[in-house]
Amino acid sequence: MHIQNKMLINGEWVDALDGATIEVLNPHDGSLITEVAEAKVADVDRAVAAAKAAYPAWGAMQASERGRLLLKLADRIEECADELAALESLDTGHPIRDTRNLDVQRTAYCFRYFGGMADKLEGTVVPVEPGFLNYTQREPIGVVGQIVPWNFPLMFTSWKMAPALAAGNAIVIKPAELTPLTTLRIAELMMEVGFPPGVVNVVVGYGSTAGARLADHEDVGKIAFTGSTQTGQSIVRASAGNLKKVQLELGGKGANIIFEDADIQKAVGGSAWAIFHNQGQACIAGSRIIIHESIADEFLDKFVALAKSIRLGPPDRTDTEMGPLTSRMHQERVLAYCDIARDEGAEILLGGKVPSDPELANGCYVEPTIVRAKATDRVAQEEVFGPFVTVLTFKDDGEALAIANGTEYGLGSGLWTKDISRAHRFARDMNAGMVWINCYKRVNPGSPFGGVGKSGYGREMGFEVMREYTQVKSVWVNVDAQIPPFYTR
């Protein structure tokens, strides 16, 4: 397995100017994987300067040629699928069966989708007064700063890179310091297939230094961030200097409603996927299961039994269904919420602790945790971001909607019912950027992804994200109109 540990600036792999490095640890056992170059302010400045110099030629390149490079990259990712899957599992703790069957495939699919999108952007002709032609065209922003989270680094790298590059921007991307390895490997593949120097620059650093510098840099025209709400708010404040465009995909506390007429078996399986996939480390996780009181006991009997059967283990084993959390710090955070639940008087139906298996003792593991609580409890309001689900019950549709909309977040939500009118009504009324009906956590490069409220603004994916990475220019042409004379005295 090849591991890159330097940063990419202007087509060259370089160390940090001051020689600083960051340790990258294996979440399964805490062992050292490698040390990567740590970007600080001066390194970010170098990367931004490289992107600024490369942008004019890249932005002026025929769009289909930009798309061709993205398509070549998608092919190359598929050729390296096993290596990328193993590297992602090693770095994040995500089970190999998921990185191989989901993460790598979704990454290639995303680059291929936006490779095809590159030459599909269209302007409009606007009806204005007679004698004038008014048309609009979409232009790239220029230099874009992108900050990738640690939970799905490979997939989110494609979500950030692909549309920005397809639209003609040059980028400086900062992967999370915890999980930088697959982003660096993708950048290597980009150099192999012929992306021009400076168009893509990768700097690994901490949010307080490298991330903050990207956010306030005068030559960065846009910042795209996925991560916590608190950090997103800091980025908005830092962006004020040059009024850069900001796109934020932030926290969530997904409502997952189980109505009395739901297909219980499908709802149980779908709800387990919604919260326990990737150890619950997903902004769109269905972390609040809201169940009609008439079926609560039946649902919970089946749901708890399923959760008990989830196989925890080393992420490189093909039969592992749930691996470790990605860092020791995050394991401690999730366990702290288990203590908060106990302090609040919530009932822990399952889990709430580290597994007893000695093979997992040195890793960042937490058992699947199911907590029955009140809607106002902290564990039902705050994002835990782990294999931790809060169970709530309701009497009628009005109460279900009130509970679902009763947090500051509005990212993803789901519902399970056979009543199609109710389904559409709730999809309309739920305070969320995405709603899944009789399913959960479905994503596709063609479908907009993003939230409202403290879950952020702007959208990933689809035609919507191409608008996020471009700006509109309005052009007026005098065809045969008379221009009134300038009034003189």
Protein backbone atom coordinates (compact mmCIF):
# COMPACT_ATOMS: atom_id res chain seq x y z
CA MET A 1 0.00 0.00 0.00
CA HIS A 2 1.45 3.36 -1.05
CA ILE A 3 1.21 6.18 1.53
CA GLN A 4 1.99 9.79 0.58
CA ASN A 5 3.11 11.99 3.47
CA LYS A 6 3.97 15.30 1.81
CA MET A 7 1.76 18.16 0.64
CA LEU A 8 1.02 18.94 -3.00
CA ILE A 9 1.77 22.50 -4.09
CA ASN A 10 2.07 23.58 -7.73
CA GLY A 11 2.40 20.00 -8.93
CA GLU A 12 5.25 19.12 -6.54
CA TRP A 13 5.28 17.01 -3.38
CA VAL A 14 6.93 19.12 -0.71
CA ASP A 15 7.58 19.23 3.03
CA ALA A 16 6.28 22.02 5.24
CA LEU A 17 8.46 25.11 5.16
CA ASP A 18 9.30 24.67 8.84
CA GLY A 19 9.54 20.87 8.63
CA ALA A 20 6.56 20.31 10.95
CA THR A 21 4.63 17.03 10.78
CA ILE A 22 1.39 15.53 12.11
CA GLU A 23 1.07 11.95 13.36
CA VAL A 24 -1.62 9.85 11.67
CA LEU A 25 -2.82 7.05 13.96
CA ASN A 26 -4.61 3.77 13.33
CA PRO A 27 -7.95 3.94 15.21
CA HIS A 28 -8.07 0.15 15.58
CA ASP A 29 -5.07 -0.04 17.90
CA GLY A 30 -3.60 3.46 18.27
CA SER A 31 -0.44 2.58 16.33
CA LEU A 32 1.38 5.13 14.17
CA ILE A 33 0.62 4.85 10.46
CA THR A 34 2.80 7.71 9.27
CA GLU A 35 3.64 11.37 9.79
CA VAL A 36 2.44 13.88 7.21
CA ALA A 37 3.72 17.36 6.47
CA GLU A 38 1.86 19.96 8.53
CA ALA A 39 0.80 23.04 6.60
CA LYS A 40 0.82 26.34 8.42
CA VAL A 41 0.06 29.87 7.24
CA ALA A 42 3.11 30.19 4.97
CA ASP A 43 2.41 26.82 3.33
CA VAL A 44 -1.22 27.73 2.71
CA ASP A 45 -0.06 31.01 1.17
CA ARG A 46 2.20 29.06 -1.20
CA ALA A 47 -0.68 26.80 -2.20
CA VAL A 48 -3.07 29.70 -2.79
CA ALA A 49 -0.45 31.50 -4.89
CA ALA A 50 -0.03 28.36 -7.01
CA ALA A 51 -3.78 28.03 -7.51
CA LYS A 52 -4.08 31.72 -8.38
CA ALA A 53 -1.36 31.38 -11.04
CA ALA A 54 -2.89 28.20 -12.51
CA TYR A 55 -6.50 29.41 -12.55
CA PRO A 56 -6.55 31.60 -15.71
CA ALA A 57 -5.46 28.80 -18.04
CA TRP A 58 -7.60 26.18 -16.30
CA GLY A 59 -10.69 28.40 -16.28
CA ALA A 60 -10.19 29.21 -19.99
CA MET A 61 -9.68 25.57 -20.97
CA GLN A 62 -12.41 24.03 -23.08
CA ALA A 63 -14.89 22.61 -20.59
CA SER A 64 -14.96 19.20 -22.26
CA GLU A 65 -11.19 18.93 -21.73
CA ARG A 66 -11.60 19.56 -18.02
CA GLY A 67 -14.29 16.91 -18.03
CA ARG A 68 -12.03 14.48 -19.86
CA LEU A 69 -9.44 14.70 -17.08
CA LEU A 70 -12.11 14.03 -14.45
CA LEU A 71 -13.29 11.01 -16.42
CA LYS A 72 -9.72 9.70 -16.67
CA LEU A 73 -9.40 10.14 -12.91
CA ALA A 74 -12.60 8.14 -12.33
CA ASP A 75 -11.14 5.28 -14.38
CA ARG A 76 -7.88 5.45 -12.45
CA ILE A 77 -9.72 5.35 -9.11
CA GLU A 78 -11.48 2.17 -10.18
CA GLU A 79 -8.14 0.63 -11.18
CA CYS A 80 -6.82 1.40 -7.67
CA ALA A 81 -10.03 0.44 -5.89
CA ASP A 82 -8.57 -2.22 -3.58
CA GLU A 83 -5.68 0.01 -2.54
CA LEU A 84 -7.94 3.00 -1.86
CA ALA A 85 -10.41 0.89 0.11
CA ALA A 86 -7.65 -0.56 2.29
CA LEU A 87 -6.11 2.87 2.86
CA GLU A 88 -9.47 4.39 3.83
CA SER A 89 -10.18 1.57 6.28
CA LEU A 90 -6.72 1.84 7.81
CA ASP A 91 -7.00 5.60 8.28
CA THR A 92 -10.64 5.94 9.39
CA GLY A 93 -11.65 2.59 10.93
CA HIS A 94 -14.45 2.26 8.41
CA PRO A 95 -15.04 -1.48 7.68
CA ILE A 96 -13.39 -2.71 4.49
CA ARG A 97 -16.64 -4.12 3.13
CA ASP A 98 -18.08 -0.59 3.16
CA THR A 99 -15.02 1.23 1.81
CA ARG A 100 -14.76 -1.33 -1.00
CA ASN A 101 -18.46 -1.55 -1.90
CA LEU A 102 -19.58 2.01 -1.14
CA ASP A 103 -16.89 4.63 -0.58
CA VAL A 104 -14.57 3.89 -3.50
CA GLN A 105 -17.43 3.26 -5.91
CA ARG A 106 -19.19 6.47 -4.87
CA THR A 107 -15.94 8.41 -5.28
CA ALA A 108 -15.39 7.20 -8.84
CA TYR A 109 -19.06 7.77 -9.64
CA CYS A 110 -18.88 11.36 -8.39
CA PHE A 111 -15.82 12.25 -10.47
CA ARG A 112 -17.41 10.60 -13.49
CA TYR A 113 -20.71 12.43 -13.00
CA PHE A 114 -19.06 15.85 -12.85
CA GLY A 115 -16.70 14.93 -15.67
CA GLY A 116 -19.83 14.66 -17.77
CA MET A 117 -21.26 17.82 -16.22
CA ALA A 118 -18.31 20.05 -17.11
CA ASP A 119 -19.60 21.10 -20.54
CA LYS A 120 -23.31 21.11 -19.63
CA LEU A 121 -23.49 24.50 -17.89
CA GLU A 122 -25.83 26.84 -19.76
CA GLY A 123 -26.74 30.48 -19.50
CA THR A 124 -30.11 32.07 -20.18
CA VAL A 125 -31.62 34.72 -22.43
CA VAL A 126 -33.67 37.21 -20.43
CA PRO A 127 -36.66 39.00 -22.01
CA VAL A 128 -36.00 42.72 -21.65
CA GLU A 129 -37.17 45.85 -23.50
CA PRO A 130 -37.22 45.85 -27.34
CA GLY A 131 -33.95 46.53 -29.11
CA PHE A 132 -31.75 44.81 -26.52
CA LEU A 133 -30.46 41.29 -26.08
CA ASN A 134 -29.70 40.32 -22.48
CA TYR A 135 -28.04 37.01 -21.74
CA THR A 136 -26.33 35.45 -18.72
CA GLN A 137 -23.33 33.19 -18.50
CA ARG A 138 -21.84 31.31 -15.58
CA GLU A 139 -18.17 31.81 -14.81
CA PRO A 140 -15.87 30.10 -12.30
CA ILE A 141 -15.09 31.89 -9.08
CA GLY A 142 -11.31 31.51 -9.29
CA VAL A 143 -9.45 30.07 -6.30
CA VAL A 144 -11.57 27.91 -4.02
CA GLY A 145 -10.58 26.71 -0.56
CA GLN A 146 -12.08 23.39 0.53
CA ILE A 147 -12.05 21.74 3.96
CA VAL A 148 -12.87 18.02 4.13
CA PRO A 149 -14.08 16.27 7.33
CA TRP A 150 -12.63 13.12 8.86
CA ASN A 151 -15.67 10.84 8.71
CA PHE A 152 -15.84 10.07 4.95
CA PRO A 153 -12.61 11.65 3.67
CA LEU A 154 -12.39 9.75 0.38
CA MET A 155 -15.98 10.34 -0.66
CA PHE A 156 -16.09 13.95 0.52
CA THR A 157 -12.88 14.68 -1.37
CA SER A 158 -14.74 13.83 -4.57
CA TRP A 159 -17.79 15.83 -3.52
CA LYS A 160 -15.59 18.90 -3.05
CA MET A 161 -13.07 18.52 -5.85
CA ALA A 162 -15.17 17.26 -8.74
CA PRO A 163 -17.72 20.08 -9.20
CA ALA A 164 -15.23 22.83 -8.38
CA LEU A 165 -12.81 21.59 -11.04
CA ALA A 166 -15.54 20.88 -13.57
CA ALA A 167 -16.69 24.49 -13.23
CA GLY A 168 -13.16 25.76 -13.95
CA ASN A 169 -11.89 26.71 -10.50
CA ALA A 170 -8.43 26.00 -9.10
CA ILE A 171 -8.50 24.54 -5.60
CA VAL A 172 -6.62 24.34 -2.33
CA ILE A 173 -8.07 21.45 -0.36
CA LYS A 174 -7.36 20.71 3.30
CA PRO A 175 -8.22 17.19 4.44
CA ALA A 176 -8.73 16.59 8.15
CA GLU A 177 -5.46 16.10 10.00
CA LEU A 178 -6.88 12.85 11.42
CA THR A 179 -7.58 11.23 8.04
CA PRO A 180 -5.57 12.78 5.18
CA LEU A 181 -4.24 9.69 3.44
CA THR A 182 -6.84 8.97 0.75
CA THR A 183 -7.09 12.64 -0.24
CA LEU A 184 -3.33 12.68 -0.76
CA ARG A 185 -3.55 9.46 -2.78
CA ILE A 186 -6.31 10.90 -4.98
CA ALA A 187 -4.08 13.92 -5.63
CA GLU A 188 -1.29 11.57 -6.74
CA LEU A 189 -3.67 9.93 -9.20
CA MET A 190 -4.66 13.38 -10.48
CA MET A 191 -1.04 14.17 -11.25
CA GLU A 192 -0.73 10.82 -13.03
CA VAL A 193 -3.66 11.50 -15.37
CA GLY A 194 -2.44 14.97 -16.31
CA PHE A 195 -4.03 17.70 -14.20
CA PRO A 196 -1.91 20.83 -14.71
CA PRO A 197 0.39 21.95 -11.86
CA GLY A 198 -1.30 24.32 -9.41
CA VAL A 199 -4.86 23.45 -10.36
CA VAL A 200 -5.09 21.09 -7.38
CA ASN A 201 -3.14 21.76 -4.19
CA VAL A 202 -3.42 19.65 -1.01
CA VAL A 203 -2.35 20.94 2.39
CA VAL A 204 -2.80 18.97 5.61
CA GLY A 205 -3.03 21.07 8.74
CA TYR A 206 -5.10 21.98 11.76
CA GLY A 207 -8.27 23.99 11.47
CA SER A 208 -6.98 26.72 13.76
CA THR A 209 -4.00 27.41 11.47
CA ALA A 210 -4.32 26.05 7.92
CA GLY A 211 -8.12 26.09 7.88
CA ALA A 212 -8.34 29.57 9.36
CA ARG A 213 -5.85 30.90 6.82
CA LEU A 214 -7.90 29.52 3.93
CA ALA A 215 -11.01 31.12 5.40
CA ASP A 216 -9.55 34.60 5.68
CA HIS A 217 -7.21 34.62 2.65
CA GLU A 218 -7.85 37.58 0.36
CA ASP A 219 -7.10 35.56 -2.80
CA VAL A 220 -9.57 32.76 -1.99
CA GLY A 221 -12.90 33.54 -3.64
CA LYS A 222 -14.90 30.81 -1.96
CA ILE A 223 -14.61 28.49 1.02
CA ALA A 224 -16.47 25.16 1.06
CA PHE A 225 -16.56 23.48 4.45
CA THR A 226 -17.99 20.28 5.85
CA GLY A 227 -17.78 19.85 9.62
CA SER A 228 -19.13 21.14 12.91
CA THR A 229 -21.58 24.01 13.25
CA GLN A 230 -19.26 25.86 15.62
CA THR A 231 -16.38 25.78 13.13
CA GLY A 232 -18.74 26.79 10.32
CA GLN A 233 -19.73 29.88 12.27
CA SER A 234 -16.04 30.77 12.71
CA ILE A 235 -15.50 30.41 8.96
CA VAL A 236 -18.36 32.79 8.21
CA ARG A 237 -16.79 35.40 10.48
CA ALA A 238 -13.34 34.88 8.92
CA SER A 239 -14.75 35.21 5.39
CA ALA A 240 -15.87 38.81 5.93
CA GLY A 241 -12.54 40.34 4.88
CA ASN A 242 -13.00 39.87 1.14
CA LEU A 243 -16.68 38.83 1.36
CA LYS A 244 -15.83 35.44 -0.12
CA LYS A 245 -18.61 33.06 -1.02
CA VAL A 246 -19.23 30.43 1.69
CA GLN A 247 -20.79 26.98 1.42
CA LEU A 248 -21.40 25.09 4.66
CA GLU A 249 -22.49 21.51 5.33
CA LEU A 250 -22.66 21.28 9.11
CA GLY A 251 -24.16 19.27 11.95
CA GLY A 252 -27.36 17.29 12.12
CA LYS A 253 -29.72 15.52 14.50
CA GLY A 254 -31.70 13.48 12.03
CA ALA A 255 -35.32 12.66 12.83
CA ASN A 256 -36.37 9.16 11.74
CA ILE A 257 -40.13 8.73 12.24
CA ILE A 258 -41.75 5.29 12.43
CA PHE A 259 -45.52 5.55 11.96
CA GLU A 260 -47.99 2.95 13.16
CA ASP A 261 -48.59 1.65 9.61
CA ALA A 262 -44.90 1.25 8.75
CA ASP A 263 -43.44 -2.02 7.50
CA ILE A 264 -41.74 -2.82 10.81
CA GLN A 265 -39.09 -5.15 9.46
CA LYS A 266 -37.96 -2.71 6.77
CA ALA A 267 -38.07 0.18 9.22
CA VAL A 268 -35.91 -1.72 11.70
CA GLY A 269 -33.27 -2.53 9.09
CA GLY A 270 -33.37 0.95 7.60
CA SER A 271 -33.08 2.59 11.01
CA ALA A 272 -30.07 0.46 11.91
CA TRP A 273 -28.38 1.51 8.66
CA ALA A 274 -29.30 5.13 9.39
CA ILE A 275 -27.45 5.23 12.71
CA PHE A 276 -24.86 2.44 12.83
CA HIS A 277 -23.31 2.67 9.35
CA ASN A 278 -19.79 4.13 9.71
CA GLN A 279 -20.19 3.88 13.49
CA GLY A 280 -22.81 6.65 13.37
CA GLN A 281 -20.19 9.16 12.23
CA ALA A 282 -22.39 10.86 9.67
CA CYS A 283 -23.99 14.29 9.69
CA ILE A 284 -27.14 12.80 8.21
CA ALA A 285 -27.33 9.89 10.68
CA GLY A 286 -30.83 9.01 11.86
CA SER A 287 -29.89 9.70 15.46
CA ARG A 288 -33.44 10.26 16.76
CA ILE A 289 -35.89 7.41 16.22
CA ILE A 290 -39.40 8.78 16.79
CA ILE A 291 -41.85 5.87 17.12
CA HIS A 292 -45.63 5.77 17.37
CA GLU A 293 -46.42 4.57 20.87
CA SER A 294 -48.67 1.76 19.62
CA ILE A 295 -45.77 -0.06 17.95
CA ALA A 296 -42.88 1.10 20.15
CA ASP A 297 -42.44 -2.17 22.04
CA GLU A 298 -42.57 -4.32 18.91
CA PHE A 299 -40.16 -2.05 17.05
CA LEU A 300 -37.69 -1.81 19.92
CA ASP A 301 -37.64 -5.56 20.54
CA LYS A 302 -36.58 -6.10 16.93
CA PHE A 303 -34.28 -3.07 16.77
CA VAL A 304 -32.38 -3.92 19.95
CA ALA A 305 -31.99 -7.53 18.81
CA LEU A 306 -30.57 -6.38 15.48
CA ALA A 307 -28.17 -3.95 17.15
CA LYS A 308 -26.95 -6.71 19.47
CA SER A 309 -26.06 -8.82 16.45
CA ILE A 310 -23.82 -6.20 14.80
CA ARG A 311 -20.30 -7.59 14.49
CA LEU A 312 -17.66 -5.24 15.88
CA GLY A 313 -14.11 -5.91 14.81
CA PRO A 314 -10.95 -4.78 13.04
CA PRO A 315 -11.87 -2.75 9.95
CA ASP A 316 -9.74 -4.89 7.61
CA ARG A 317 -11.84 -8.01 8.21
CA THR A 318 -14.51 -8.64 5.61
CA ASP A 319 -17.07 -9.81 8.18
CA THR A 320 -16.74 -6.68 10.36
CA GLU A 321 -19.94 -4.62 10.31
CA MET A 322 -18.84 -1.85 12.68
CA GLY A 323 -15.28 -0.70 13.28
CA PRO A 324 -13.73 1.78 15.70
CA LEU A 325 -14.52 5.46 15.90
CA THR A 326 -11.94 7.50 14.05
CA SER A 327 -10.05 8.96 17.03
CA ARG A 328 -9.54 8.54 20.75
CA MET A 329 -10.86 12.04 21.34
CA HIS A 330 -14.09 11.20 19.56
CA GLN A 331 -14.49 7.91 21.42
CA GLU A 332 -14.24 9.86 24.66
CA ARG A 333 -16.84 12.34 23.40
CA VAL A 334 -19.36 9.60 22.62
CA LEU A 335 -18.78 7.89 25.96
CA ALA A 336 -19.29 11.25 27.68
CA TYR A 337 -22.74 11.43 26.11
CA CYS A 338 -23.48 7.99 27.51
CA ASP A 339 -22.74 9.45 30.96
CA ILE A 340 -24.93 12.47 30.18
CA ALA A 341 -27.78 10.11 29.30
CA ARG A 342 -27.43 8.34 32.65
CA ASP A 343 -27.30 11.67 34.49
CA GLU A 344 -30.48 12.81 32.73
CA GLY A 345 -32.31 9.67 33.80
CA ALA A 346 -32.56 8.20 30.31
CA GLU A 347 -32.88 4.44 29.95
CA ILE A 348 -29.94 2.78 28.18
CA LEU A 349 -31.49 -0.15 26.36
CA LEU A 350 -28.20 -1.32 24.86
CA GLY A 351 -24.52 -0.44 24.92
CA GLY A 352 -23.23 2.75 26.45
CA LYS A 353 -19.70 1.38 26.91
CA VAL A 354 -16.62 0.02 25.18
CA PRO A 355 -16.74 -3.61 24.05
CA SER A 356 -15.26 -6.25 26.34
CA ASP A 357 -13.39 -8.09 23.57
CA PRO A 358 -9.67 -7.86 24.47
CA GLU A 359 -8.74 -7.71 20.77
CA LEU A 360 -10.47 -4.32 20.61
CA ALA A 361 -9.18 -2.97 23.93
CA ASN A 362 -6.58 -0.59 22.44
CA GLY A 363 -8.89 0.79 19.77
CA CYS A 364 -11.47 3.56 19.68
CA TYR A 365 -14.49 1.27 19.87
CA VAL A 366 -17.94 1.96 21.34
CA GLU A 367 -20.78 -0.56 21.40
CA PRO A 368 -24.00 0.19 19.49
CA THR A 369 -25.92 2.32 21.97
CA ILE A 370 -29.70 2.76 22.20
CA VAL A 371 -31.11 5.26 24.70
CA ARG A 372 -34.75 5.94 25.53
CA ALA A 373 -35.07 9.59 26.53
CA LYS A 374 -37.23 12.71 26.47
CA ALA A 375 -37.30 15.07 23.50
CA THR A 376 -35.87 17.88 25.63
CA ASP A 377 -32.90 15.86 26.95
CA ARG A 378 -29.45 16.92 25.80
CA VAL A 379 -28.92 13.53 24.13
CA ALA A 380 -32.02 14.23 22.00
CA GLN A 381 -30.92 17.76 21.11
CA GLU A 382 -27.13 17.71 20.66
CA GLU A 383 -25.19 15.92 17.94
CA VAL A 384 -23.35 12.92 19.39
CA PHE A 385 -21.87 11.72 16.06
CA GLY A 386 -21.42 8.10 17.01
CA PRO A 387 -23.24 4.75 17.25
CA PHE A 388 -25.68 6.37 19.66
CA VAL A 389 -29.39 6.67 18.94
CA THR A 390 -32.08 8.32 21.05
CA VAL A 391 -35.54 6.73 21.04
CA LEU A 392 -38.65 8.91 21.50
CA THR A 393 -42.37 8.13 21.17
CA PHE A 394 -45.39 10.07 19.94
CA LYS A 395 -49.19 9.82 20.06
CA ASP A 396 -50.27 11.54 16.82
CA ASP A 397 -48.95 13.21 13.68
CA GLY A 398 -48.86 16.65 15.23
CA GLU A 399 -46.65 15.49 18.08
CA ALA A 400 -44.38 13.57 15.69
CA LEU A 401 -43.82 16.68 13.58
CA ALA A 402 -43.19 18.85 16.64
CA ILE A 403 -40.54 16.43 17.92
CA ALA A 404 -38.94 16.09 14.49
CA ASN A 405 -38.65 19.87 14.10
CA GLY A 406 -37.68 20.42 17.74
CA THR A 407 -33.91 20.89 17.31
CA GLU A 408 -31.70 23.64 15.90
CA TYR A 409 -30.59 21.39 13.04
CA GLY A 410 -32.21 20.73 9.68
CA LEU A 411 -30.10 18.42 7.54
CA GLY A 412 -31.52 14.95 6.84
CA SER A 413 -34.68 13.25 8.06
CA GLY A 414 -36.71 10.18 7.28
CA LEU A 415 -40.11 8.60 7.77
CA TRP A 416 -41.67 5.17 7.37
CA THR A 417 -45.34 4.91 6.42
CA LYS A 418 -47.68 3.37 3.85
CA ASP A 419 -49.85 6.51 3.78
CA ILE A 420 -48.67 8.42 0.71
CA SER A 421 -50.55 11.60 1.61
CA ARG A 422 -48.99 11.66 5.05
CA ALA A 423 -45.56 10.99 3.51
CA HIS A 424 -45.78 13.99 1.18
CA ARG A 425 -47.24 16.18 3.90
CA PHE A 426 -44.38 15.42 6.26
CA ALA A 427 -41.82 15.83 3.48
CA ARG A 428 -43.23 19.32 2.98
CA ASP A 429 -43.42 20.26 6.66
CA MET A 430 -40.26 18.74 8.11
CA ASN A 431 -37.51 21.28 8.73
CA ALA A 432 -34.80 19.59 6.70
CA GLY A 433 -32.85 19.96 3.48
CA MET A 434 -33.40 16.27 2.65
CA VAL A 435 -36.23 13.84 3.43
CA TRP A 436 -36.18 10.10 2.83
CA ILE A 437 -39.47 8.20 2.65
CA ASN A 438 -39.33 4.47 3.49
CA CYS A 439 -35.54 4.61 3.21
CA TYR A 440 -32.68 6.58 4.75
CA LYS A 441 -29.24 8.02 3.87
CA ARG A 442 -29.61 7.73 0.11
CA VAL A 443 -27.13 9.93 -1.78
CA ASN A 444 -26.34 10.38 -5.47
CA PRO A 445 -24.16 12.87 -7.37
CA GLY A 446 -27.24 14.13 -9.19
CA SER A 447 -29.27 14.88 -6.05
CA PRO A 448 -28.73 18.08 -4.02
CA PHE A 449 -27.29 17.51 -0.54
CA GLY A 450 -27.42 20.09 2.26
CA GLY A 451 -29.41 21.55 5.10
CA VAL A 452 -31.12 24.52 6.69
CA GLY A 453 -30.79 26.29 10.03
CA LYS A 454 -27.64 25.38 11.94
CA SER A 455 -27.00 22.57 9.49
CA GLY A 456 -25.62 25.17 7.10
CA TYR A 457 -26.43 26.54 3.67
CA GLY A 458 -25.53 25.88 0.06
CA ARG A 459 -25.73 22.49 -1.60
CA GLU A 460 -23.39 19.72 -2.63
CA MET A 461 -24.11 17.63 -5.73
CA GLY A 462 -26.21 17.98 -8.86
CA PHE A 463 -26.74 21.13 -10.90
CA GLU A 464 -27.17 23.01 -7.62
CA VAL A 465 -23.50 22.62 -6.70
CA MET A 466 -22.37 23.83 -10.11
CA ARG A 467 -24.18 27.06 -9.31
CA GLU A 468 -22.35 27.13 -5.98
CA TYR A 469 -18.99 27.03 -7.76
CA THR A 470 -19.82 29.64 -10.40
CA GLN A 471 -21.07 33.20 -10.52
CA VAL A 472 -23.51 34.81 -12.94
CA LYS A 473 -22.58 37.53 -15.39
CA SER A 474 -25.30 39.50 -17.17
CA VAL A 475 -24.44 40.81 -20.66
CA TRP A 476 -26.47 43.51 -22.47
CA VAL A 477 -26.26 43.95 -26.24
CA ASN A 478 -27.83 46.86 -28.09
CA VAL A 479 -29.26 45.29 -31.21
CA ASP A 480 -31.24 48.19 -32.67
CA ALA A 481 -32.40 50.34 -29.78
CA GLN A 482 -32.17 54.11 -29.79
CA ILE A 483 -30.06 55.48 -26.99
CA PRO A 484 -31.54 58.65 -25.51
CA PRO A 485 -29.15 61.62 -25.78
CA PHE A 486 -27.33 62.77 -22.68
CA TYR A 487 -29.00 65.81 -21.26
CA THR A 488 -26.79 68.90 -21.46
CA ARG A 489 -27.22 72.46 -20.43
